[in-house]
Amino acid sequence: MDLVVALVLGVSCLLLLSVWRQSSGRGKLPPGPTPLPIIGNILQIDVKNISKSLTNLSKDYGPVFTLYLGRKPMVVVHGYEAVKEALDDLGEAFSGRGTFPVIERLNNELGVIFSNGTKWKELRRFSLMTLRNFGMGKRSIEDRVQEEARCLVEELRKNSGSPSDPTFILGCAPCNVICSIIFQNRFDYKDKNFLNLMGKFNENFKILNSPWMQEKHNQQSEFTIESLLATVTDMFVAGTETTSTTLRYGLLLLLKHQEITAKAQEEIEHVIGRHRSPCMQDRSHMPYTDAVVHEIQRYINLIPNNVPHAATCNIKFRNYIIPKGTDLITSLTSVLHDDKEFPNPETFDPGHFLDENGNFKKSDYFMPFSTGKRMCVGEGLARMELFLFLTTILQNFKLKPVIDPKDIDTTPIANAFGCVPPLYQLCFIPV
């Protein structure tokens, strides 16, 4: 009995000590649920659906609150106003990249996505400049995406309308666009080198071997071969996986909602027809299809809690003092699924982006690429790919499900860092 009492007293003291240490010496952090010693608030988070847990906690603690994942505090920012204030209005102060242990072990904080400070600023500036030099925002990039869309259609035709899992081929298409930008060449989908590249993004980047070799003796330079390889790898991983997952999830939603698919195809037939490839100029004449693409991104909520940010200095935020180095979780779910901006946000409805006259309606709440200083470098390319790939597929095929549409489950199989759709098959029936 004495042992049990001593154990209870010991745990209680540890709990009080933990709370005291976590609340002292760290500025005036926002309130939040009481953390347990060592493990923090991890038991109060559903790791299979973190965004839902954060939404539930925000109901008790408001739009800004503190969580402890282990002994480290993380400030959670929930809701459009708070997210915009943190990432746009205080963008420089929260432009640091939060801790991401798995990635840090893989790339030693190199590249443009997970780096910090001067390294990040120089590599981001370099990435944007290089993408522009390679044609980003110009007709030449659109030509590459159109070419890849045509190749994608031809590859899909080879299935002869039989059931197929689109995962692999929808990964090849955006990856090939990145290849065409960096290598000035696309690859056949069966090419062994291309398949190897899909598995090993960090090999054979000969295009990077010469222009910066004056830099190898500059100890202050961020343009080392290792750093540039990591930056290119970032472009491949981010530019391939995010776009292909969105396409795959989008097709699943269109399979389930056949009436939406039919209406989009009717608009495509009216504006483009079947004898020329879709182009970006068509988008302004296709409000419904444009709304469908936006609604796919809004609905699937691909990166629910964004990539972690961090405070680059001690910063006052909503009457709280956030110490330098504190990680920041910004809930994109709370913005993309805001029920005032998007009524019935859990329903897939292109009407969320249409006004009463059927015209496309922009929304400041549309943040699938985040916002502020560290918003996605490849947003322009991703938007182009999603519109052209989806429009070209719908122009050329009827999407036929292998089960009754009402039985199609669109619930993600993973909803932690990213939302991943369940595996499925469909038939691409040529029209």
Protein backbone atom coordinates (compact mmCIF):
# COMPACT_ATOMS: atom_id res chain seq x y z
CA MET A 1 0.00 0.00 0.00
CA ASP A 2 2.86 2.36 0.90
CA LEU A 3 4.41 1.64 -2.50
CA VAL A 4 1.17 2.60 -4.27
CA VAL A 5 0.91 5.87 -2.30
CA ALA A 6 4.52 6.70 -3.04
CA LEU A 7 3.96 5.95 -6.74
CA VAL A 8 0.86 8.19 -6.89
CA LEU A 9 2.67 11.01 -5.10
CA GLY A 10 5.67 10.64 -7.39
CA VAL A 11 3.55 10.81 -10.55
CA SER A 12 1.63 13.79 -9.17
CA CYS A 13 4.86 15.66 -8.44
CA LEU A 14 6.15 14.90 -11.91
CA LEU A 15 2.90 16.17 -13.42
CA LEU A 16 3.05 19.42 -11.41
CA LEU A 17 6.73 19.87 -12.24
CA SER A 18 6.06 19.26 -15.92
CA VAL A 19 3.22 21.79 -16.00
CA TRP A 20 5.32 24.36 -14.15
CA ARG A 21 8.35 23.90 -16.39
CA GLN A 22 6.27 24.01 -19.55
CA SER A 23 4.44 27.16 -18.48
CA SER A 24 7.50 29.07 -17.25
CA GLY A 25 10.32 30.59 -19.20
CA ARG A 26 8.56 30.29 -22.55
CA GLY A 27 6.94 33.67 -22.85
CA LYS A 28 3.17 33.88 -22.65
CA LEU A 29 2.06 30.96 -24.78
CA PRO A 30 -1.63 30.53 -25.63
CA PRO A 31 -3.69 28.28 -23.33
CA GLY A 32 -4.28 24.67 -24.20
CA PRO A 33 -5.03 21.25 -22.74
CA THR A 34 -2.89 20.24 -19.76
CA PRO A 35 0.02 18.09 -20.95
CA LEU A 36 1.18 14.92 -19.27
CA PRO A 37 4.84 14.47 -18.31
CA ILE A 38 7.10 13.38 -21.17
CA ILE A 39 4.30 12.55 -23.63
CA GLY A 40 2.52 15.92 -23.52
CA ASN A 41 -0.92 15.94 -25.19
CA ILE A 42 -0.33 13.00 -27.51
CA LEU A 43 -3.16 10.97 -25.91
CA GLN A 44 -5.62 13.75 -26.73
CA ILE A 45 -4.81 13.58 -30.46
CA ASP A 46 -6.26 11.03 -32.88
CA VAL A 47 -3.19 10.32 -34.99
CA LYS A 48 -5.44 8.91 -37.74
CA ASN A 49 -7.29 12.21 -38.05
CA ILE A 50 -5.21 14.99 -36.50
CA SER A 51 -7.16 17.79 -38.19
CA LYS A 52 -10.42 16.64 -36.58
CA SER A 53 -8.73 16.57 -33.18
CA LEU A 54 -7.47 20.12 -33.65
CA THR A 55 -10.96 21.28 -34.66
CA ASN A 56 -12.43 19.73 -31.51
CA LEU A 57 -9.76 21.33 -29.31
CA SER A 58 -10.34 24.73 -30.94
CA LYS A 59 -13.93 24.62 -29.70
CA ASP A 60 -12.60 24.64 -26.12
CA TYR A 61 -9.49 26.80 -26.48
CA GLY A 62 -10.26 29.14 -29.36
CA PRO A 63 -8.45 29.82 -32.65
CA VAL A 64 -4.95 29.89 -31.10
CA PHE A 65 -3.87 27.31 -28.54
CA THR A 66 -0.82 25.35 -27.42
CA LEU A 67 -0.24 21.61 -27.70
CA TYR A 68 2.67 19.62 -26.39
CA LEU A 69 3.81 16.75 -28.58
CA GLY A 70 6.23 15.30 -26.12
CA ARG A 71 7.91 18.08 -24.15
CA LYS A 72 7.98 20.55 -27.05
CA PRO A 73 5.22 23.15 -27.34
CA MET A 74 3.51 23.74 -30.67
CA VAL A 75 1.14 26.63 -31.28
CA VAL A 76 -1.95 25.65 -33.27
CA VAL A 77 -3.61 28.28 -35.46
CA HIS A 78 -7.20 27.46 -36.45
CA GLY A 79 -9.63 29.36 -38.69
CA TYR A 80 -9.25 31.69 -41.66
CA GLU A 81 -8.65 34.95 -39.76
CA ALA A 82 -5.97 33.49 -37.49
CA VAL A 83 -4.23 31.56 -40.29
CA LYS A 84 -4.18 34.63 -42.54
CA GLU A 85 -2.84 36.82 -39.73
CA ALA A 86 -0.06 34.36 -38.93
CA LEU A 87 1.06 33.47 -42.46
CA ASP A 88 0.31 36.71 -44.35
CA ASP A 89 0.36 39.60 -41.89
CA LEU A 90 3.20 38.12 -39.79
CA GLY A 91 4.65 36.07 -42.63
CA GLU A 92 8.30 36.96 -42.01
CA ALA A 93 8.10 36.21 -38.29
CA PHE A 94 6.54 32.79 -38.96
CA SER A 95 8.56 31.97 -42.09
CA GLY A 96 10.71 29.37 -40.35
CA ARG A 97 10.22 25.69 -41.08
CA GLY A 98 9.05 23.66 -38.13
CA THR A 99 10.70 20.45 -37.02
CA PHE A 100 10.09 17.41 -39.19
CA PRO A 101 12.37 14.68 -37.76
CA VAL A 102 11.92 12.08 -40.51
CA ILE A 103 12.73 14.54 -43.30
CA GLU A 104 15.61 16.08 -41.35
CA ARG A 105 17.26 12.66 -41.15
CA LEU A 106 16.79 12.13 -44.87
CA ASN A 107 17.99 15.46 -46.29
CA ASN A 108 19.91 17.17 -43.46
CA GLU A 109 17.63 20.23 -43.76
CA LEU A 110 18.73 20.84 -47.35
CA GLY A 111 16.48 21.76 -50.27
CA VAL A 112 13.80 24.43 -50.49
CA ILE A 113 10.95 22.86 -48.53
CA PHE A 114 12.53 22.04 -45.17
CA SER A 115 15.45 24.47 -44.96
CA ASN A 116 15.58 27.65 -42.92
CA GLY A 117 17.11 31.12 -42.78
CA THR A 118 19.45 32.36 -45.48
CA LYS A 119 19.67 28.90 -47.01
CA TRP A 120 15.91 28.77 -47.55
CA LYS A 121 15.66 32.34 -48.88
CA GLU A 122 18.46 31.85 -51.41
CA LEU A 123 17.22 28.46 -52.60
CA ARG A 124 13.62 29.66 -52.90
CA ARG A 125 14.75 32.70 -54.92
CA PHE A 126 16.89 30.42 -57.07
CA SER A 127 14.05 27.93 -57.58
CA LEU A 128 11.58 30.61 -58.67
CA MET A 129 14.12 32.22 -61.01
CA THR A 130 15.08 28.87 -62.54
CA LEU A 131 11.47 27.81 -63.06
CA ARG A 132 10.78 31.11 -64.81
CA ASN A 133 13.87 30.65 -66.97
CA PHE A 134 12.63 27.18 -67.89
CA GLY A 135 9.29 28.63 -68.95
CA MET A 136 7.09 28.77 -65.84
CA GLY A 137 4.18 31.08 -66.58
CA LYS A 138 4.91 31.03 -70.30
CA ARG A 139 3.31 29.28 -73.23
CA SER A 140 6.21 26.82 -73.43
CA ILE A 141 5.24 25.21 -70.12
CA GLU A 142 1.62 24.94 -71.18
CA ASP A 143 2.78 23.20 -74.38
CA ARG A 144 4.65 20.63 -72.25
CA VAL A 145 1.60 19.96 -70.06
CA GLN A 146 -0.65 19.66 -73.14
CA GLU A 147 1.79 17.21 -74.73
CA GLU A 148 1.85 15.13 -71.55
CA ALA A 149 -1.96 15.20 -71.36
CA ARG A 150 -2.13 13.78 -74.89
CA CYS A 151 0.39 11.06 -73.96
CA LEU A 152 -1.64 10.28 -70.85
CA VAL A 153 -4.78 9.85 -72.95
CA GLU A 154 -2.99 7.53 -75.38
CA GLU A 155 -1.67 5.43 -72.50
CA LEU A 156 -5.15 5.19 -70.98
CA ARG A 157 -6.56 4.06 -74.34
CA LYS A 158 -4.30 1.01 -74.18
CA ASN A 159 -6.48 -0.36 -71.38
CA SER A 160 -9.28 -0.80 -73.95
CA GLY A 161 -11.91 0.16 -71.44
CA SER A 162 -11.02 -2.63 -69.01
CA PRO A 163 -10.87 -1.97 -65.25
CA SER A 164 -7.57 -0.47 -64.10
CA ASP A 165 -6.00 1.18 -61.08
CA PRO A 166 -4.96 4.70 -62.18
CA THR A 167 -2.41 5.23 -59.38
CA PHE A 168 0.79 4.56 -61.33
CA ILE A 169 -0.12 6.29 -64.58
CA LEU A 170 -1.40 9.40 -62.79
CA GLY A 171 1.96 9.54 -61.02
CA CYS A 172 3.87 9.30 -64.29
CA ALA A 173 2.16 12.27 -65.95
CA PRO A 174 3.10 15.07 -63.50
CA CYS A 175 6.54 13.51 -62.97
CA ASN A 176 7.13 13.68 -66.72
CA VAL A 177 6.22 17.37 -66.72
CA ILE A 178 8.93 18.00 -64.12
CA CYS A 179 11.33 15.91 -66.25
CA SER A 180 10.50 18.00 -69.31
CA ILE A 181 11.24 21.18 -67.35
CA ILE A 182 14.50 20.05 -65.75
CA PHE A 183 15.83 17.68 -68.42
CA GLN A 184 14.10 19.32 -71.41
CA ASN A 185 12.79 15.87 -72.27
CA ARG A 186 9.84 13.63 -71.39
CA PHE A 187 10.03 9.83 -71.17
CA ASP A 188 7.90 6.96 -72.37
CA TYR A 189 5.94 5.51 -69.49
CA LYS A 190 7.64 2.15 -69.96
CA ASP A 191 11.15 3.60 -70.24
CA LYS A 192 13.42 1.85 -67.71
CA ASN A 193 15.33 5.02 -66.97
CA PHE A 194 12.10 6.87 -66.28
CA LEU A 195 10.88 4.09 -64.01
CA ASN A 196 14.20 4.18 -62.17
CA LEU A 197 13.88 7.95 -61.82
CA MET A 198 10.43 7.52 -60.30
CA GLY A 199 12.07 5.45 -57.57
CA LYS A 200 15.35 7.33 -57.20
CA PHE A 201 14.88 11.05 -57.61
CA ASN A 202 18.38 11.80 -56.34
CA GLU A 203 20.34 10.17 -59.18
CA ASN A 204 21.67 11.30 -62.56
CA PHE A 205 21.00 15.05 -62.22
CA LYS A 206 23.76 15.91 -64.64
CA ILE A 207 22.07 19.15 -65.56
CA LEU A 208 23.19 20.50 -62.18
CA ASN A 209 26.85 19.49 -62.40
CA SER A 210 28.37 22.49 -64.12
CA PRO A 211 26.83 25.97 -63.71
CA TRP A 212 27.66 26.39 -59.99
CA MET A 213 31.13 24.70 -59.81
CA GLN A 214 32.61 28.23 -59.25
CA GLU A 215 30.80 27.97 -55.96
CA LYS A 216 32.58 24.93 -54.52
CA HIS A 217 35.28 27.09 -52.88
CA ASN A 218 32.76 29.54 -51.40
CA GLN A 219 32.20 28.29 -47.87
CA GLN A 220 29.25 30.68 -47.41
CA SER A 221 27.41 29.57 -50.54
CA GLU A 222 24.15 27.62 -50.30
CA PHE A 223 24.62 26.33 -53.88
CA THR A 224 26.46 23.13 -53.06
CA ILE A 225 25.82 20.04 -55.14
CA GLU A 226 24.15 18.37 -52.13
CA SER A 227 21.86 21.35 -51.57
CA LEU A 228 20.92 21.64 -55.23
CA LEU A 229 20.24 17.91 -55.47
CA ALA A 230 17.96 18.20 -52.45
CA THR A 231 16.18 21.17 -54.06
CA VAL A 232 15.56 19.26 -57.29
CA THR A 233 14.40 16.26 -55.28
CA ASP A 234 11.96 18.54 -53.47
CA MET A 235 10.57 19.66 -56.83
CA PHE A 236 10.15 16.08 -58.01
CA VAL A 237 8.54 14.82 -54.81
CA ALA A 238 6.29 17.84 -54.24
CA GLY A 239 5.50 18.30 -57.93
CA THR A 240 4.70 14.64 -58.54
CA GLU A 241 3.04 13.18 -55.46
CA THR A 242 0.73 16.09 -54.59
CA THR A 243 -0.58 16.53 -58.13
CA SER A 244 -0.98 12.81 -58.81
CA THR A 245 -2.81 12.26 -55.50
CA THR A 246 -5.15 15.17 -56.29
CA LEU A 247 -5.84 13.73 -59.75
CA ARG A 248 -6.45 10.26 -58.34
CA TYR A 249 -8.75 11.57 -55.63
CA GLY A 250 -10.51 13.81 -58.16
CA LEU A 251 -11.32 10.91 -60.48
CA LEU A 252 -12.70 8.93 -57.52
CA LEU A 253 -15.03 11.83 -56.65
CA LEU A 254 -16.12 12.15 -60.27
CA LEU A 255 -16.86 8.41 -60.37
CA LYS A 256 -19.15 8.76 -57.38
CA HIS A 257 -20.84 11.98 -58.52
CA GLN A 258 -21.82 11.08 -62.07
CA GLU A 259 -24.16 14.07 -62.45
CA ILE A 260 -21.28 16.47 -61.79
CA THR A 261 -19.08 14.61 -64.26
CA ALA A 262 -21.77 14.74 -66.94
CA LYS A 263 -22.28 18.47 -66.48
CA ALA A 264 -18.54 19.14 -66.75
CA GLN A 265 -18.29 17.00 -69.88
CA GLU A 266 -21.21 18.86 -71.41
CA GLU A 267 -19.38 22.15 -70.88
CA ILE A 268 -16.14 20.71 -72.30
CA GLU A 269 -18.00 19.50 -75.39
CA HIS A 270 -19.62 22.91 -75.86
CA VAL A 271 -16.47 25.03 -75.39
CA ILE A 272 -13.69 22.79 -76.74
CA GLY A 273 -15.27 19.95 -78.67
CA ARG A 274 -13.27 16.81 -79.44
CA HIS A 275 -10.92 17.92 -82.18
CA ARG A 276 -8.41 20.09 -80.31
CA SER A 277 -6.58 19.95 -77.00
CA PRO A 278 -7.81 21.99 -74.04
CA CYS A 279 -5.74 25.08 -73.23
CA MET A 280 -5.59 27.47 -70.30
CA GLN A 281 -7.48 30.15 -72.23
CA ASP A 282 -10.48 27.83 -72.20
CA ARG A 283 -10.70 28.03 -68.41
CA SER A 284 -12.27 31.52 -68.38
CA HIS A 285 -15.07 30.17 -70.61
CA MET A 286 -15.61 27.04 -68.49
CA PRO A 287 -16.78 28.20 -65.05
CA TYR A 288 -18.32 24.87 -64.09
CA THR A 289 -15.25 22.78 -64.94
CA ASP A 290 -13.05 25.34 -63.21
CA ALA A 291 -15.30 25.10 -60.15
CA VAL A 292 -15.04 21.28 -60.23
CA VAL A 293 -11.22 21.45 -60.16
CA HIS A 294 -11.27 23.94 -57.29
CA GLU A 295 -13.85 21.90 -55.38
CA ILE A 296 -11.73 18.76 -55.72
CA GLN A 297 -8.81 20.55 -54.08
CA ARG A 298 -10.99 22.11 -51.40
CA TYR A 299 -12.86 18.93 -50.60
CA ILE A 300 -9.92 16.51 -50.41
CA ASN A 301 -7.94 18.92 -48.20
CA LEU A 302 -4.67 17.31 -49.28
CA ILE A 303 -2.34 18.67 -46.56
CA PRO A 304 -4.79 19.24 -43.67
CA ASN A 305 -2.41 20.89 -41.22
CA ASN A 306 0.08 22.40 -43.66
CA VAL A 307 3.81 21.80 -43.37
CA PRO A 308 4.94 23.02 -39.92
CA HIS A 309 6.13 26.62 -39.64
CA ALA A 310 8.29 28.09 -36.88
CA ALA A 311 8.82 31.50 -35.30
CA THR A 312 12.04 33.14 -36.51
CA CYS A 313 12.05 35.58 -33.57
CA ASN A 314 10.15 36.29 -30.37
CA ILE A 315 6.84 37.56 -31.70
CA LYS A 316 3.68 38.97 -30.16
CA PHE A 317 0.68 37.26 -31.68
CA ARG A 318 -2.85 37.94 -30.45
CA ASN A 319 -1.61 39.11 -27.03
CA TYR A 320 0.57 36.04 -26.62
CA ILE A 321 4.36 35.92 -26.80
CA ILE A 322 5.56 33.16 -29.12
CA PRO A 323 9.26 32.45 -28.44
CA LYS A 324 11.73 32.10 -31.30
CA GLY A 325 11.90 28.52 -32.57
CA THR A 326 8.37 27.56 -31.49
CA ASP A 327 6.66 25.37 -34.07
CA LEU A 328 3.40 26.56 -35.61
CA ILE A 329 0.65 24.27 -36.92
CA THR A 330 -1.72 26.11 -39.26
CA SER A 331 -4.95 24.22 -39.88
CA LEU A 332 -5.80 24.43 -43.57
CA THR A 333 -8.81 22.21 -42.84
CA SER A 334 -10.32 25.01 -40.78
CA VAL A 335 -10.06 27.31 -43.81
CA LEU A 336 -10.99 24.96 -46.65
CA HIS A 337 -13.91 23.49 -44.68
CA ASP A 338 -15.16 26.71 -43.12
CA ASP A 339 -18.95 26.30 -43.02
CA LYS A 340 -19.69 30.01 -43.40
CA GLU A 341 -17.65 30.36 -46.59
CA PHE A 342 -18.54 26.90 -47.89
CA PRO A 343 -22.01 25.78 -46.68
CA ASN A 344 -22.10 22.03 -46.03
CA PRO A 345 -18.30 21.79 -46.41
CA GLU A 346 -18.30 17.99 -46.08
CA THR A 347 -20.36 17.77 -49.29
CA PHE A 348 -18.61 17.66 -52.69
CA ASP A 349 -20.31 20.54 -54.48
CA PRO A 350 -18.82 22.70 -57.28
CA GLY A 351 -21.47 25.25 -56.36
CA HIS A 352 -19.12 26.37 -53.60
CA PHE A 353 -17.22 28.22 -56.36
CA LEU A 354 -20.17 29.47 -58.45
CA ASP A 355 -22.37 32.53 -57.98
CA GLU A 356 -26.12 32.64 -58.50
CA ASN A 357 -25.60 33.21 -62.25
CA GLY A 358 -23.31 30.22 -62.68
CA ASN A 359 -20.16 32.35 -62.99
CA PHE A 360 -16.95 31.25 -61.31
CA LYS A 361 -16.58 32.78 -57.85
CA LYS A 362 -13.14 33.24 -56.30
CA SER A 363 -12.65 32.71 -52.58
CA ASP A 364 -9.92 34.01 -50.27
CA TYR A 365 -10.45 30.82 -48.28
CA PHE A 366 -9.06 28.68 -51.11
CA MET A 367 -5.65 27.83 -49.63
CA PRO A 368 -4.69 24.31 -50.75
CA PHE A 369 -1.19 25.65 -51.55
CA SER A 370 -0.97 27.47 -48.20
CA THR A 371 -0.33 31.23 -48.16
CA GLY A 372 2.36 33.71 -47.20
CA LYS A 373 6.14 33.52 -47.49
CA ARG A 374 6.33 29.74 -47.73
CA MET A 375 3.38 29.00 -49.97
CA CYS A 376 3.99 26.35 -52.63
CA VAL A 377 6.63 27.37 -55.20
CA GLY A 378 4.94 25.28 -57.88
CA GLU A 379 1.38 26.51 -57.40
CA GLY A 380 1.10 27.90 -60.94
CA LEU A 381 2.31 24.66 -62.52
CA ALA A 382 0.08 22.51 -60.32
CA ARG A 383 -3.02 24.55 -61.18
CA MET A 384 -2.24 24.23 -64.87
CA GLU A 385 -1.65 20.48 -64.66
CA LEU A 386 -4.83 19.81 -62.72
CA PHE A 387 -7.02 21.76 -65.13
CA LEU A 388 -5.45 20.42 -68.33
CA PHE A 389 -5.09 16.79 -67.21
CA LEU A 390 -8.61 16.50 -65.82
CA THR A 391 -10.20 18.37 -68.72
CA THR A 392 -8.35 16.26 -71.29
CA ILE A 393 -9.37 13.02 -69.55
CA LEU A 394 -13.02 14.08 -69.41
CA GLN A 395 -12.87 15.21 -73.03
CA ASN A 396 -11.73 11.79 -74.21
CA PHE A 397 -13.28 9.25 -71.83
CA LYS A 398 -16.43 8.29 -70.04
CA LEU A 399 -15.51 7.28 -66.48
CA LYS A 400 -17.20 4.00 -65.67
CA PRO A 401 -17.10 2.69 -62.09
CA VAL A 402 -16.76 -1.04 -61.43
CA ILE A 403 -19.31 -0.85 -58.58
CA ASP A 404 -22.50 1.11 -58.00
CA PRO A 405 -21.57 4.80 -57.52
CA LYS A 406 -23.55 4.99 -54.28
CA ASP A 407 -21.25 2.27 -52.85
CA ILE A 408 -18.05 4.14 -53.67
CA ASP A 409 -16.26 5.15 -50.47
CA THR A 410 -14.32 8.41 -50.76
CA THR A 411 -13.06 8.39 -47.16
CA PRO A 412 -9.26 8.82 -47.10
CA ILE A 413 -7.28 5.80 -45.95
CA ALA A 414 -4.75 8.14 -44.33
CA ASN A 415 -5.42 11.55 -42.84
CA ALA A 416 -2.34 12.52 -40.86
CA PHE A 417 0.20 14.58 -42.81
CA GLY A 418 -1.69 14.10 -46.07
CA CYS A 419 -5.08 12.80 -47.17
CA VAL A 420 -4.65 9.67 -49.29
CA PRO A 421 -7.62 8.26 -51.22
CA PRO A 422 -8.49 4.56 -51.06
CA LEU A 423 -7.30 2.33 -53.88
CA TYR A 424 -9.89 1.77 -56.58
CA GLN A 425 -10.39 0.71 -60.20
CA LEU A 426 -12.33 2.29 -63.03
CA CYS A 427 -12.85 1.87 -66.75
CA PHE A 428 -11.81 4.62 -69.16
CA ILE A 429 -14.33 4.26 -71.99
CA PRO A 430 -13.24 6.21 -75.12
CA VAL A 431 -15.88 8.62 -76.47
